[in-house]
N, C-alpha and C. Protein backbone atom coordinates (compact mmCIF):
# COMPACT_ATOMS: atom_id res chain seq x y z
N UNK A 1 89.47 157.74 28.30
CA UNK A 1 88.35 159.05 28.44
C UNK A 1 87.15 158.45 28.81
N UNK A 2 86.32 158.82 29.62
CA UNK A 2 84.84 158.36 29.81
C UNK A 2 84.04 158.73 28.98
N UNK A 3 82.98 158.10 28.55
CA UNK A 3 81.84 158.20 27.73
C UNK A 3 81.27 159.48 27.94
N UNK A 4 81.01 160.21 29.34
CA UNK A 4 80.48 161.30 29.55
C UNK A 4 81.29 162.40 29.16
N UNK A 5 82.63 162.46 29.24
CA UNK A 5 83.46 163.21 29.01
C UNK A 5 83.54 163.20 27.62
N UNK A 6 83.44 162.22 26.66
CA UNK A 6 83.66 162.30 24.97
C UNK A 6 82.11 162.93 24.64
N UNK A 7 80.98 162.79 25.44
CA UNK A 7 79.76 163.30 24.91
C UNK A 7 79.71 165.06 24.86
N UNK A 8 80.61 165.28 26.16
CA UNK A 8 80.72 166.89 26.48
C UNK A 8 81.64 167.54 25.58
N UNK A 9 82.74 166.91 25.48
CA UNK A 9 83.80 167.23 24.14
C UNK A 9 82.99 167.25 22.92
N UNK A 10 82.13 166.29 22.55
CA UNK A 10 81.60 166.50 21.16
C UNK A 10 80.17 167.43 21.13
N UNK A 11 79.96 167.85 22.40
CA UNK A 11 78.95 168.95 22.44
C UNK A 11 79.37 170.28 22.38
N UNK A 12 80.60 170.47 22.85
CA UNK A 12 81.52 171.79 22.80
C UNK A 12 81.97 171.79 21.10
N UNK A 13 82.43 170.47 20.55
CA UNK A 13 82.58 170.68 19.33
C UNK A 13 81.58 171.23 18.34
N UNK A 14 80.35 170.71 18.74
CA UNK A 14 79.29 170.81 17.76
C UNK A 14 78.82 172.29 17.97
N UNK A 15 79.05 173.03 19.11
CA UNK A 15 78.64 174.25 19.36
C UNK A 15 79.57 175.22 18.67
N UNK A 16 80.94 174.90 18.72
CA UNK A 16 81.83 175.60 18.09
C UNK A 16 81.55 175.78 16.51
N UNK A 17 81.27 174.66 15.88
CA UNK A 17 81.03 174.40 14.39
C UNK A 17 79.75 175.16 14.24
N UNK A 18 78.68 175.24 15.13
CA UNK A 18 77.65 175.89 14.78
C UNK A 18 77.96 177.34 14.62
N UNK A 19 78.54 178.00 15.61
CA UNK A 19 79.16 179.21 15.69
C UNK A 19 79.88 179.84 14.70
N UNK A 20 80.61 178.83 13.96
CA UNK A 20 81.50 179.19 12.82
C UNK A 20 80.43 179.29 11.74
N UNK A 21 79.28 178.63 11.57
CA UNK A 21 78.61 178.67 10.48
C UNK A 21 78.00 179.76 10.48
N UNK A 22 77.73 180.26 11.76
CA UNK A 22 77.04 181.71 11.70
C UNK A 22 77.82 182.90 11.54
N UNK A 23 79.13 182.47 11.55
CA UNK A 23 80.17 183.39 11.32
C UNK A 23 80.38 184.24 12.70
N UNK A 24 80.00 183.64 13.81
CA UNK A 24 80.13 184.21 15.13
C UNK A 24 81.47 183.69 15.87
N UNK A 25 82.38 184.54 16.44
CA UNK A 25 83.42 184.32 17.06
C UNK A 25 84.03 185.38 17.84
N UNK A 26 84.88 185.36 18.59
CA UNK A 26 85.31 186.36 19.39
C UNK A 26 86.52 187.21 18.97
N UNK A 27 86.96 186.37 17.66
CA UNK A 27 88.12 187.01 17.17
C UNK A 27 88.05 186.92 15.80
N UNK A 28 86.94 186.58 15.31
CA UNK A 28 86.48 186.75 13.90
C UNK A 28 86.75 185.02 12.98
N UNK A 29 87.38 184.34 14.00
CA UNK A 29 87.77 183.21 13.21
C UNK A 29 87.52 182.33 14.14
N UNK A 30 86.51 181.35 14.04
CA UNK A 30 86.15 180.26 14.67
C UNK A 30 87.29 179.24 14.99
N UNK A 31 87.09 178.61 15.98
CA UNK A 31 88.35 177.51 16.37
C UNK A 31 87.60 176.39 17.20
N UNK A 32 88.15 175.14 16.93
CA UNK A 32 87.78 174.22 17.73
C UNK A 32 88.63 173.72 18.63
N UNK A 33 88.46 173.49 19.89
CA UNK A 33 88.95 173.54 21.33
C UNK A 33 89.35 172.28 21.38
N UNK A 34 90.58 172.09 21.23
CA UNK A 34 91.37 170.77 21.25
C UNK A 34 90.53 169.88 22.98
N UNK A 35 90.76 168.65 23.01
CA UNK A 35 90.13 167.89 24.17
C UNK A 35 91.08 168.22 25.34
N UNK A 36 92.17 168.40 25.05
CA UNK A 36 93.25 168.89 26.32
C UNK A 36 93.08 170.01 26.92
N UNK A 37 92.53 170.88 26.03
CA UNK A 37 92.49 172.49 26.42
C UNK A 37 91.22 172.74 27.06
N UNK A 38 90.30 171.93 26.88
CA UNK A 38 89.08 172.02 27.71
C UNK A 38 89.15 172.39 29.19
N UNK A 39 88.62 173.34 29.82
CA UNK A 39 88.95 173.47 30.99
C UNK A 39 88.34 172.26 31.85
N UNK A 40 88.89 171.69 32.92
CA UNK A 40 88.40 170.61 33.69
C UNK A 40 87.05 170.91 34.12
N UNK A 41 86.82 171.93 34.64
CA UNK A 41 85.51 172.11 35.18
C UNK A 41 84.25 172.04 34.10
N UNK A 42 84.67 172.31 33.09
CA UNK A 42 83.59 172.01 32.10
C UNK A 42 83.27 170.72 31.76
N UNK A 43 84.36 169.63 32.04
CA UNK A 43 84.01 168.39 31.93
C UNK A 43 83.27 167.50 32.83
N UNK A 44 83.33 168.33 34.04
CA UNK A 44 82.50 167.72 35.16
C UNK A 44 81.02 168.10 35.09
N UNK A 45 80.29 167.30 35.01
CA UNK A 45 78.68 167.61 34.93
C UNK A 45 78.22 167.77 36.44
N UNK A 46 77.18 168.25 36.68
CA UNK A 46 76.72 168.14 38.01
C UNK A 46 75.82 166.89 38.24
N UNK A 47 76.01 165.86 37.46
CA UNK A 47 75.30 164.62 38.09
C UNK A 47 76.10 164.12 39.38
N UNK A 48 75.64 163.93 40.49
CA UNK A 48 76.28 163.26 41.59
C UNK A 48 76.24 161.99 41.44
N UNK A 49 77.42 161.54 41.84
CA UNK A 49 77.34 159.76 42.02
C UNK A 49 77.49 159.74 43.56
N UNK A 50 76.91 158.75 44.01
CA UNK A 50 76.94 158.25 45.60
C UNK A 50 76.90 156.93 46.04
N UNK A 51 77.68 156.49 46.91
CA UNK A 51 78.03 155.35 47.37
C UNK A 51 77.05 154.87 48.40
N UNK A 52 75.86 155.53 48.51
CA UNK A 52 75.03 155.23 49.60
C UNK A 52 74.22 154.22 49.04
N UNK A 53 73.54 153.84 49.89
CA UNK A 53 72.24 152.67 49.53
C UNK A 53 71.42 153.35 48.62
N UNK A 54 71.09 153.03 47.28
CA UNK A 54 70.22 153.53 46.39
C UNK A 54 68.87 153.80 46.97
N UNK A 55 68.76 152.87 47.77
CA UNK A 55 67.01 153.01 48.44
C UNK A 55 66.91 154.02 49.36
N UNK A 56 68.26 154.52 50.07
CA UNK A 56 68.06 155.62 50.69
C UNK A 56 68.04 155.32 52.18
N UNK A 57 67.88 154.02 52.47
CA UNK A 57 67.66 153.45 53.90
C UNK A 57 68.78 152.74 54.37
N UNK A 58 69.46 153.65 55.52
CA UNK A 58 70.77 153.02 55.88
C UNK A 58 70.22 152.35 57.33
N UNK A 59 69.00 152.03 57.65
CA UNK A 59 68.74 151.30 58.98
C UNK A 59 67.82 150.32 58.74
N UNK A 60 67.78 149.39 59.84
CA UNK A 60 66.80 148.31 59.69
C UNK A 60 66.31 147.86 61.09
N UNK A 61 65.13 147.35 61.24
CA UNK A 61 64.35 147.31 62.26
C UNK A 61 65.18 145.95 63.27
N UNK A 62 65.34 145.93 64.44
CA UNK A 62 65.78 144.69 65.25
C UNK A 62 64.81 144.62 66.49
N UNK A 63 64.61 143.12 66.57
CA UNK A 63 63.81 143.07 67.91
C UNK A 63 64.69 142.74 69.07
N UNK A 64 64.23 143.54 70.26
CA UNK A 64 64.86 143.61 71.36
C UNK A 64 64.00 143.09 72.52
N UNK A 65 64.61 142.83 73.78
CA UNK A 65 63.58 142.43 74.77
C UNK A 65 63.64 143.29 75.92
N UNK A 66 62.52 143.63 76.73
CA UNK A 66 62.56 144.30 77.66
C UNK A 66 61.69 143.42 78.78
N UNK A 67 61.40 143.94 79.95
CA UNK A 67 60.65 143.00 81.06
C UNK A 67 59.58 143.62 81.45
N UNK A 68 58.58 142.87 81.42
CA UNK A 68 57.17 143.44 81.92
C UNK A 68 56.79 142.57 83.14
N UNK A 69 56.48 143.44 83.94
CA UNK A 69 56.00 142.54 85.51
C UNK A 69 54.54 142.96 85.56
N UNK A 70 53.74 142.10 86.16
CA UNK A 70 52.39 142.14 86.12
C UNK A 70 51.88 140.98 87.17
N UNK A 71 50.61 140.88 87.39
CA UNK A 71 50.12 140.10 88.20
C UNK A 71 50.31 138.52 87.97
N UNK A 72 50.39 138.29 86.63
CA UNK A 72 50.87 136.83 86.06
C UNK A 72 52.15 136.55 85.86
N UNK A 73 52.92 137.44 86.56
CA UNK A 73 54.35 137.00 86.85
C UNK A 73 55.08 138.07 85.72
N UNK A 74 56.61 137.67 85.73
CA UNK A 74 57.58 138.61 84.94
C UNK A 74 57.74 138.05 83.54
N UNK A 75 57.81 138.57 82.45
CA UNK A 75 57.88 137.87 81.04
C UNK A 75 58.38 138.88 80.40
N UNK A 76 59.31 138.24 79.17
CA UNK A 76 59.74 139.30 78.39
C UNK A 76 58.79 140.09 77.24
N UNK A 77 59.01 141.30 76.90
CA UNK A 77 58.30 142.00 75.90
C UNK A 77 59.01 142.34 74.97
N UNK A 78 58.81 141.84 73.64
CA UNK A 78 59.59 142.54 72.54
C UNK A 78 59.33 143.75 72.00
N UNK A 79 60.33 144.70 71.61
CA UNK A 79 60.21 146.05 71.09
C UNK A 79 61.11 146.12 70.17
N UNK A 80 60.89 146.92 69.20
CA UNK A 80 61.52 147.13 67.94
C UNK A 80 62.18 148.54 67.99
N UNK A 81 63.70 148.23 67.33
CA UNK A 81 64.40 149.66 67.36
C UNK A 81 65.16 149.70 65.96
N UNK A 82 65.35 150.92 65.59
CA UNK A 82 66.00 150.76 64.29
C UNK A 82 67.53 150.72 64.69
N UNK A 83 68.46 149.96 63.93
CA UNK A 83 69.95 149.85 63.82
C UNK A 83 70.55 149.99 62.80
N UNK A 84 71.72 149.87 62.78
CA UNK A 84 72.58 150.46 61.44
C UNK A 84 72.32 149.17 60.61
N UNK A 85 72.25 149.33 59.23
CA UNK A 85 72.18 148.22 58.31
C UNK A 85 73.04 147.22 58.26
N UNK A 86 72.62 146.04 58.12
CA UNK A 86 73.51 144.84 58.26
C UNK A 86 74.36 144.84 59.50
N UNK A 87 73.61 145.04 60.61
CA UNK A 87 74.34 144.88 61.98
C UNK A 87 74.98 143.79 62.46
N UNK A 88 75.95 144.19 63.11
CA UNK A 88 77.00 142.84 63.76
C UNK A 88 76.05 142.69 65.07
N UNK A 89 76.55 141.30 65.53
CA UNK A 89 75.96 141.03 66.76
C UNK A 89 76.24 142.05 67.98
N UNK A 90 77.43 142.55 67.98
CA UNK A 90 77.98 143.41 68.87
C UNK A 90 77.05 144.86 68.62
N UNK A 91 76.57 145.26 67.33
CA UNK A 91 75.78 146.30 67.57
C UNK A 91 74.27 146.06 68.18
N UNK A 92 73.97 144.98 68.08
CA UNK A 92 72.38 144.46 68.26
C UNK A 92 72.75 144.54 69.75
N UNK A 93 73.36 143.77 70.44
CA UNK A 93 73.85 143.79 71.75
C UNK A 93 73.98 145.04 72.62
N UNK A 94 75.10 145.85 71.95
CA UNK A 94 75.28 147.27 72.42
C UNK A 94 73.92 147.97 72.65
N UNK A 95 73.08 147.71 71.55
CA UNK A 95 71.84 148.58 71.79
C UNK A 95 70.81 148.15 72.78
N UNK A 96 71.02 146.72 72.79
CA UNK A 96 69.90 146.25 73.91
C UNK A 96 70.51 146.83 75.51
N UNK A 97 71.86 147.00 75.41
CA UNK A 97 72.34 147.55 76.70
C UNK A 97 71.97 148.76 77.21
N UNK A 98 71.83 149.76 75.97
CA UNK A 98 71.36 151.14 76.21
C UNK A 98 69.71 151.07 76.04
N UNK A 99 68.95 150.03 76.03
CA UNK A 99 67.59 150.18 75.55
C UNK A 99 66.80 150.81 76.91
N UNK A 100 65.87 151.74 76.54
CA UNK A 100 65.03 152.09 77.52
C UNK A 100 63.68 152.06 76.98
N UNK A 101 62.32 152.03 77.44
CA UNK A 101 61.07 151.79 76.87
C UNK A 101 60.81 153.26 76.23
N UNK A 102 60.20 153.40 75.43
CA UNK A 102 59.79 154.61 74.57
C UNK A 102 58.49 155.13 75.25
N UNK A 103 58.64 156.43 75.86
CA UNK A 103 57.67 156.85 76.81
C UNK A 103 56.31 157.38 75.95
N UNK A 104 56.58 157.42 74.86
CA UNK A 104 55.60 157.86 74.01
C UNK A 104 54.87 157.04 73.36
N UNK A 105 55.33 155.58 73.60
CA UNK A 105 54.53 154.54 72.84
C UNK A 105 53.78 153.72 74.11
N UNK A 106 52.38 153.74 74.25
CA UNK A 106 51.65 153.07 75.29
C UNK A 106 51.80 151.59 75.46
N UNK A 107 52.21 150.92 74.01
CA UNK A 107 52.52 149.54 74.41
C UNK A 107 54.06 149.43 74.93
N UNK A 108 54.64 150.33 75.31
CA UNK A 108 56.05 150.06 76.19
C UNK A 108 55.56 150.70 77.56
N UNK A 109 54.33 151.11 77.73
CA UNK A 109 54.31 151.46 79.28
C UNK A 109 54.67 150.36 80.18
N UNK A 110 55.27 150.77 81.25
CA UNK A 110 55.47 149.99 82.34
C UNK A 110 56.74 149.02 82.14
N UNK A 111 57.22 148.86 80.85
CA UNK A 111 58.41 148.00 80.33
C UNK A 111 59.76 148.60 81.20
N UNK A 112 60.30 147.70 81.80
CA UNK A 112 61.94 147.88 82.27
C UNK A 112 62.89 147.02 81.67
N UNK A 113 64.19 147.56 82.02
CA UNK A 113 65.36 146.44 81.83
C UNK A 113 66.08 146.08 82.94
N UNK A 114 66.23 144.98 83.18
CA UNK A 114 66.99 144.41 84.41
C UNK A 114 68.50 144.62 84.16
N UNK A 115 69.02 145.08 82.80
CA UNK A 115 70.70 145.24 82.50
C UNK A 115 70.99 146.57 83.37
N UNK A 116 71.87 146.42 84.16
CA UNK A 116 72.46 147.43 84.99
C UNK A 116 72.85 148.53 83.85
N UNK A 117 73.01 149.78 84.13
CA UNK A 117 73.36 150.75 83.01
C UNK A 117 74.72 150.80 82.94
N UNK A 118 75.71 150.51 84.05
CA UNK A 118 76.93 150.35 84.01
C UNK A 118 77.72 149.10 83.51
N UNK A 119 76.99 148.49 82.64
CA UNK A 119 77.38 147.32 81.90
C UNK A 119 77.99 147.40 80.73
N UNK A 120 79.12 146.79 80.47
CA UNK A 120 79.79 147.16 79.10
C UNK A 120 79.96 145.84 78.42
N UNK A 121 80.02 145.75 76.83
CA UNK A 121 80.08 144.66 76.29
C UNK A 121 81.69 144.72 76.00
N UNK A 122 82.30 143.65 76.33
CA UNK A 122 83.82 143.89 75.76
C UNK A 122 83.99 143.39 74.58
N UNK A 123 83.25 142.40 74.27
CA UNK A 123 83.40 141.46 72.90
C UNK A 123 82.23 140.50 72.59
N UNK A 124 82.33 140.60 71.32
CA UNK A 124 81.08 139.48 70.66
C UNK A 124 81.47 138.52 69.62
N UNK A 125 81.77 137.37 69.68
CA UNK A 125 82.29 136.42 68.72
C UNK A 125 81.10 135.24 68.39
N UNK A 126 80.94 135.27 67.21
CA UNK A 126 80.03 134.54 66.62
C UNK A 126 80.96 133.36 65.85
N UNK A 127 80.66 132.06 66.46
CA UNK A 127 81.46 130.95 66.20
C UNK A 127 80.52 129.84 65.71
N UNK A 128 80.29 129.31 64.47
CA UNK A 128 79.26 128.35 64.24
C UNK A 128 77.80 128.27 65.09
N UNK A 129 77.27 129.14 64.90
CA UNK A 129 75.79 129.48 65.51
C UNK A 129 75.84 129.86 66.92
N UNK A 130 77.33 129.98 67.84
CA UNK A 130 77.20 130.28 68.80
C UNK A 130 78.00 131.50 69.12
N UNK A 131 77.30 132.31 69.81
CA UNK A 131 77.29 133.99 70.27
C UNK A 131 78.10 133.93 71.50
N UNK A 132 79.41 134.28 71.49
CA UNK A 132 80.34 134.06 72.96
C UNK A 132 80.05 135.89 73.17
N UNK A 133 79.44 136.26 74.37
CA UNK A 133 79.56 137.28 74.70
C UNK A 133 80.15 137.76 75.91
N UNK A 134 81.13 138.65 76.08
CA UNK A 134 82.12 139.07 77.12
C UNK A 134 81.54 140.33 77.65
N UNK A 135 81.30 140.61 78.94
CA UNK A 135 80.97 141.61 79.55
C UNK A 135 81.83 142.01 80.82
N UNK A 136 81.77 143.10 81.26
CA UNK A 136 82.42 143.74 82.43
C UNK A 136 81.65 143.19 83.39
N UNK A 137 82.17 143.01 84.65
CA UNK A 137 81.72 142.32 85.83
C UNK A 137 80.22 143.05 86.66
N UNK A 138 80.08 144.33 86.18
CA UNK A 138 79.03 145.04 86.28
C UNK A 138 77.71 144.34 86.05
N UNK A 139 77.59 143.44 84.88
CA UNK A 139 76.64 142.84 84.59
C UNK A 139 76.02 141.95 85.72
N UNK A 140 76.94 141.53 86.79
CA UNK A 140 76.19 140.96 87.91
C UNK A 140 75.90 141.62 89.21
N UNK A 141 75.81 142.70 88.77
CA UNK A 141 75.41 143.49 90.23
C UNK A 141 73.91 143.29 90.37
N UNK A 142 73.09 142.92 89.56
CA UNK A 142 71.67 142.50 89.73
C UNK A 142 71.76 141.10 90.38
N UNK A 143 70.86 140.81 91.35
CA UNK A 143 70.62 139.37 92.01
C UNK A 143 69.26 139.08 91.96
N UNK A 144 69.31 137.82 92.56
CA UNK A 144 67.93 137.05 92.93
C UNK A 144 67.31 136.88 91.28
N UNK A 145 66.03 136.76 91.39
CA UNK A 145 65.12 136.56 89.98
C UNK A 145 65.52 137.47 89.05
N UNK A 146 65.92 138.87 89.48
CA UNK A 146 66.05 139.75 88.52
C UNK A 146 67.18 139.58 87.61
N UNK A 147 68.10 138.78 87.95
CA UNK A 147 69.27 138.17 87.08
C UNK A 147 68.71 137.36 86.25
N UNK A 148 67.88 136.31 86.54
CA UNK A 148 67.64 135.61 85.34
C UNK A 148 66.68 136.29 84.44
N UNK A 149 66.16 137.50 84.75
CA UNK A 149 65.43 138.31 83.45
C UNK A 149 66.46 138.77 82.57
N UNK A 150 67.57 139.44 83.39
CA UNK A 150 68.49 140.13 82.32
C UNK A 150 69.04 139.07 81.64
N UNK A 151 69.47 137.87 81.85
CA UNK A 151 69.79 137.01 80.84
C UNK A 151 69.12 136.45 79.97
N UNK A 152 67.72 136.31 80.45
CA UNK A 152 66.54 136.28 79.30
C UNK A 152 66.58 137.17 78.17
N UNK A 153 66.90 138.52 78.85
CA UNK A 153 66.79 139.50 77.84
C UNK A 153 67.90 139.56 77.02
N UNK A 154 68.92 139.25 77.45
CA UNK A 154 70.26 139.26 76.57
C UNK A 154 70.17 137.86 75.45
N UNK A 155 69.76 136.87 76.14
CA UNK A 155 69.58 135.51 75.50
C UNK A 155 68.74 135.56 74.30
N UNK A 156 67.64 136.16 74.59
CA UNK A 156 66.32 135.91 73.42
C UNK A 156 66.71 137.22 72.41
N UNK A 157 67.34 138.18 72.93
CA UNK A 157 67.57 138.92 71.88
C UNK A 157 68.45 138.61 71.08
N UNK A 158 69.53 137.95 71.49
CA UNK A 158 70.86 137.57 70.45
C UNK A 158 70.41 136.49 69.79
N UNK A 159 69.64 135.48 70.13
CA UNK A 159 68.96 134.48 69.20
C UNK A 159 67.86 134.96 68.15
N UNK A 160 67.82 136.33 68.37
CA UNK A 160 66.72 136.91 67.11
C UNK A 160 67.65 137.20 66.12
N UNK A 161 69.04 137.40 66.26
CA UNK A 161 69.76 137.81 65.39
C UNK A 161 70.18 136.66 64.42
N UNK A 162 70.01 137.04 63.21
CA UNK A 162 70.66 135.69 62.04
C UNK A 162 71.79 134.83 62.36
N UNK A 163 71.43 133.65 62.22
CA UNK A 163 72.74 132.91 62.40
C UNK A 163 73.24 132.51 63.83
N UNK A 164 72.58 133.09 64.67
CA UNK A 164 72.68 133.00 66.35
C UNK A 164 71.72 131.81 66.97
N UNK A 165 72.01 130.71 67.41
CA UNK A 165 71.28 129.86 67.85
C UNK A 165 71.58 129.59 69.56
N UNK A 166 72.79 129.71 69.98
CA UNK A 166 73.08 129.61 71.26
C UNK A 166 74.08 130.98 71.57
N UNK A 167 73.81 130.93 73.03
CA UNK A 167 74.92 131.86 73.49
C UNK A 167 75.61 131.38 74.89
N UNK A 168 76.93 131.86 74.85
CA UNK A 168 77.77 131.68 76.08
C UNK A 168 78.08 132.99 76.44
N UNK A 169 78.57 133.21 77.96
CA UNK A 169 78.90 134.30 78.61
C UNK A 169 80.37 134.19 79.19
N UNK A 170 81.02 135.01 79.29
CA UNK A 170 82.06 135.44 79.62
C UNK A 170 82.27 136.82 80.68
N UNK A 171 82.59 136.85 81.68
CA UNK A 171 82.77 138.38 82.66
C UNK A 171 84.29 138.41 82.72
N UNK A 172 84.82 139.49 81.97
CA UNK A 172 86.22 140.13 82.21
C UNK A 172 86.96 138.84 81.58
N UNK A 173 86.41 138.31 80.46
CA UNK A 173 87.27 137.21 79.87
C UNK A 173 87.11 135.91 80.21
N UNK A 174 86.62 135.56 81.50
CA UNK A 174 86.38 134.46 82.04
C UNK A 174 85.13 133.75 81.93
N UNK A 175 84.93 132.26 81.75
CA UNK A 175 83.68 131.74 81.37
C UNK A 175 82.89 132.07 82.55
N UNK A 176 81.48 132.14 82.15
CA UNK A 176 80.74 132.43 83.45
C UNK A 176 79.30 131.38 83.17
N UNK A 177 78.79 131.12 84.24
CA UNK A 177 77.55 130.14 84.29
C UNK A 177 76.53 131.33 84.39
N UNK A 178 75.39 130.95 83.92
CA UNK A 178 74.27 131.69 83.81
C UNK A 178 73.26 131.27 84.76
N UNK A 179 72.27 132.16 85.07
CA UNK A 179 71.00 131.70 85.91
C UNK A 179 70.28 131.48 84.76
N UNK A 180 69.41 130.15 84.96
CA UNK A 180 68.28 130.00 83.89
C UNK A 180 66.83 129.95 84.57
N UNK A 181 65.84 129.24 83.98
CA UNK A 181 64.73 128.97 84.71
C UNK A 181 65.05 128.16 86.03
N UNK A 182 64.18 128.46 86.70
CA UNK A 182 64.06 128.10 88.40
C UNK A 182 65.34 128.38 89.15
N UNK A 183 66.10 129.22 88.59
CA UNK A 183 67.18 129.85 89.40
C UNK A 183 68.51 129.13 89.32
N UNK A 184 68.42 128.02 88.44
CA UNK A 184 69.60 127.02 87.84
C UNK A 184 70.69 127.46 87.29
N UNK A 185 71.77 127.20 87.72
CA UNK A 185 73.00 127.72 87.26
C UNK A 185 73.37 126.85 85.88
N UNK A 186 73.51 127.45 85.09
CA UNK A 186 73.98 126.63 83.63
C UNK A 186 75.33 127.18 83.30
N UNK A 187 76.20 126.18 82.95
CA UNK A 187 77.51 126.41 82.26
C UNK A 187 77.66 126.13 80.99
N UNK A 188 76.81 125.48 80.26
CA UNK A 188 76.47 125.18 78.98
C UNK A 188 76.08 126.23 77.97
N UNK A 189 76.04 126.47 76.80
CA UNK A 189 75.72 127.38 75.96
C UNK A 189 73.92 127.47 76.36
N UNK A 190 73.21 128.37 76.26
CA UNK A 190 72.01 128.72 76.48
C UNK A 190 71.01 128.93 75.19
N UNK A 191 69.93 128.86 75.24
CA UNK A 191 69.10 129.67 74.06
C UNK A 191 67.73 130.03 74.62
N UNK A 192 66.86 130.51 73.88
CA UNK A 192 65.70 131.49 74.60
C UNK A 192 64.92 130.49 75.28
N UNK A 193 64.89 129.14 74.64
CA UNK A 193 63.92 127.92 75.19
C UNK A 193 64.54 127.80 76.79
N UNK A 194 65.54 128.21 77.47
CA UNK A 194 65.99 128.04 78.60
C UNK A 194 65.31 128.97 79.60
N UNK A 195 64.47 129.99 79.03
CA UNK A 195 63.98 131.01 79.76
C UNK A 195 62.20 130.78 79.29
N UNK A 196 61.72 129.55 79.44
CA UNK A 196 60.22 129.60 79.34
C UNK A 196 59.43 130.46 79.85
N UNK A 197 59.91 130.49 81.29
CA UNK A 197 58.58 131.32 82.08
C UNK A 197 58.88 132.66 81.79
N UNK A 198 59.62 133.16 81.11
CA UNK A 198 59.69 134.43 80.70
C UNK A 198 59.11 134.75 79.33
N UNK A 199 59.08 133.48 78.63
CA UNK A 199 58.46 133.56 77.18
C UNK A 199 57.43 132.63 77.11
N UNK A 200 55.95 132.93 77.57
CA UNK A 200 55.00 131.87 77.45
C UNK A 200 54.73 131.34 76.00
N UNK A 201 55.15 132.22 74.95
CA UNK A 201 54.84 131.72 73.52
C UNK A 201 55.35 130.58 73.40
N UNK A 202 56.61 130.36 73.87
CA UNK A 202 57.52 129.22 73.37
C UNK A 202 56.88 127.96 73.61
N UNK A 203 56.04 127.73 75.17
CA UNK A 203 55.10 126.62 75.44
C UNK A 203 56.09 125.71 76.30
N UNK A 204 55.54 124.86 76.72
CA UNK A 204 56.02 123.97 77.70
C UNK A 204 57.11 122.72 77.28
N UNK A 205 58.27 122.55 77.68
CA UNK A 205 59.11 121.72 77.16
C UNK A 205 58.60 120.41 77.09
N UNK A 206 58.69 119.58 75.83
CA UNK A 206 58.25 118.45 75.67
C UNK A 206 59.06 117.15 76.30
C-alpha cells in the first residue's frame, strides 16, 4: 500500500472516530471502514502525476542555414527554429528540408533555400562523428552554383548538431560526391570549412 493511500485511510478512520465520539452515525452505531472496503475512487486523490518534462518545455532551438544573395555574392544565413527536445540528426535535417524564411521576421527577408521541395531524407546514420545522409535523387535537380549552396546548407546545418564533425552523402543508397567551393567534386566526407566562400566568418584556409 502506498503512503498516500495509507494517509487517506488514516484520515477516514479519524473522521469515523470523531463522528463516533459525537454520537453521529447513519444507523446509530459508528463503524470503522476496513481498508479493503473503502471505495477505490476515494483512495485516488486529484493529485495528477505527469511524465512530461517538469520544466514544461518540450522543444529546443536549432540552428539551420538558408541562403542570402547580394552584391557581395552568396552566403549562408543562420536562422533558429524550434525542434523536438533532444532531436536526432534526422529530425534536424528533415526540418531543414522544409525550412522557409519567416515572412514576419525582417532579418529573414530575402533569404531562400536552394534545397528542392521534392527532396526526401531516406536515412541519417551517425557513426563516430561522421553523419551519413541518404537522400532521394531529387536533391540533384539543382545544378550549377546553386548546387554548392544546397550542399553548404546541409553540411553546415549538420555540423551544428552535437557529435557531428563531418558529413557524407548517398543518393538512393549509393555514395555520392558533392560539390564544394570552386565547383570541385569531393568524394571524401566534408565539413563546413569546405564552403568557406559561403561562410565568411570561418576565414581563409591556413
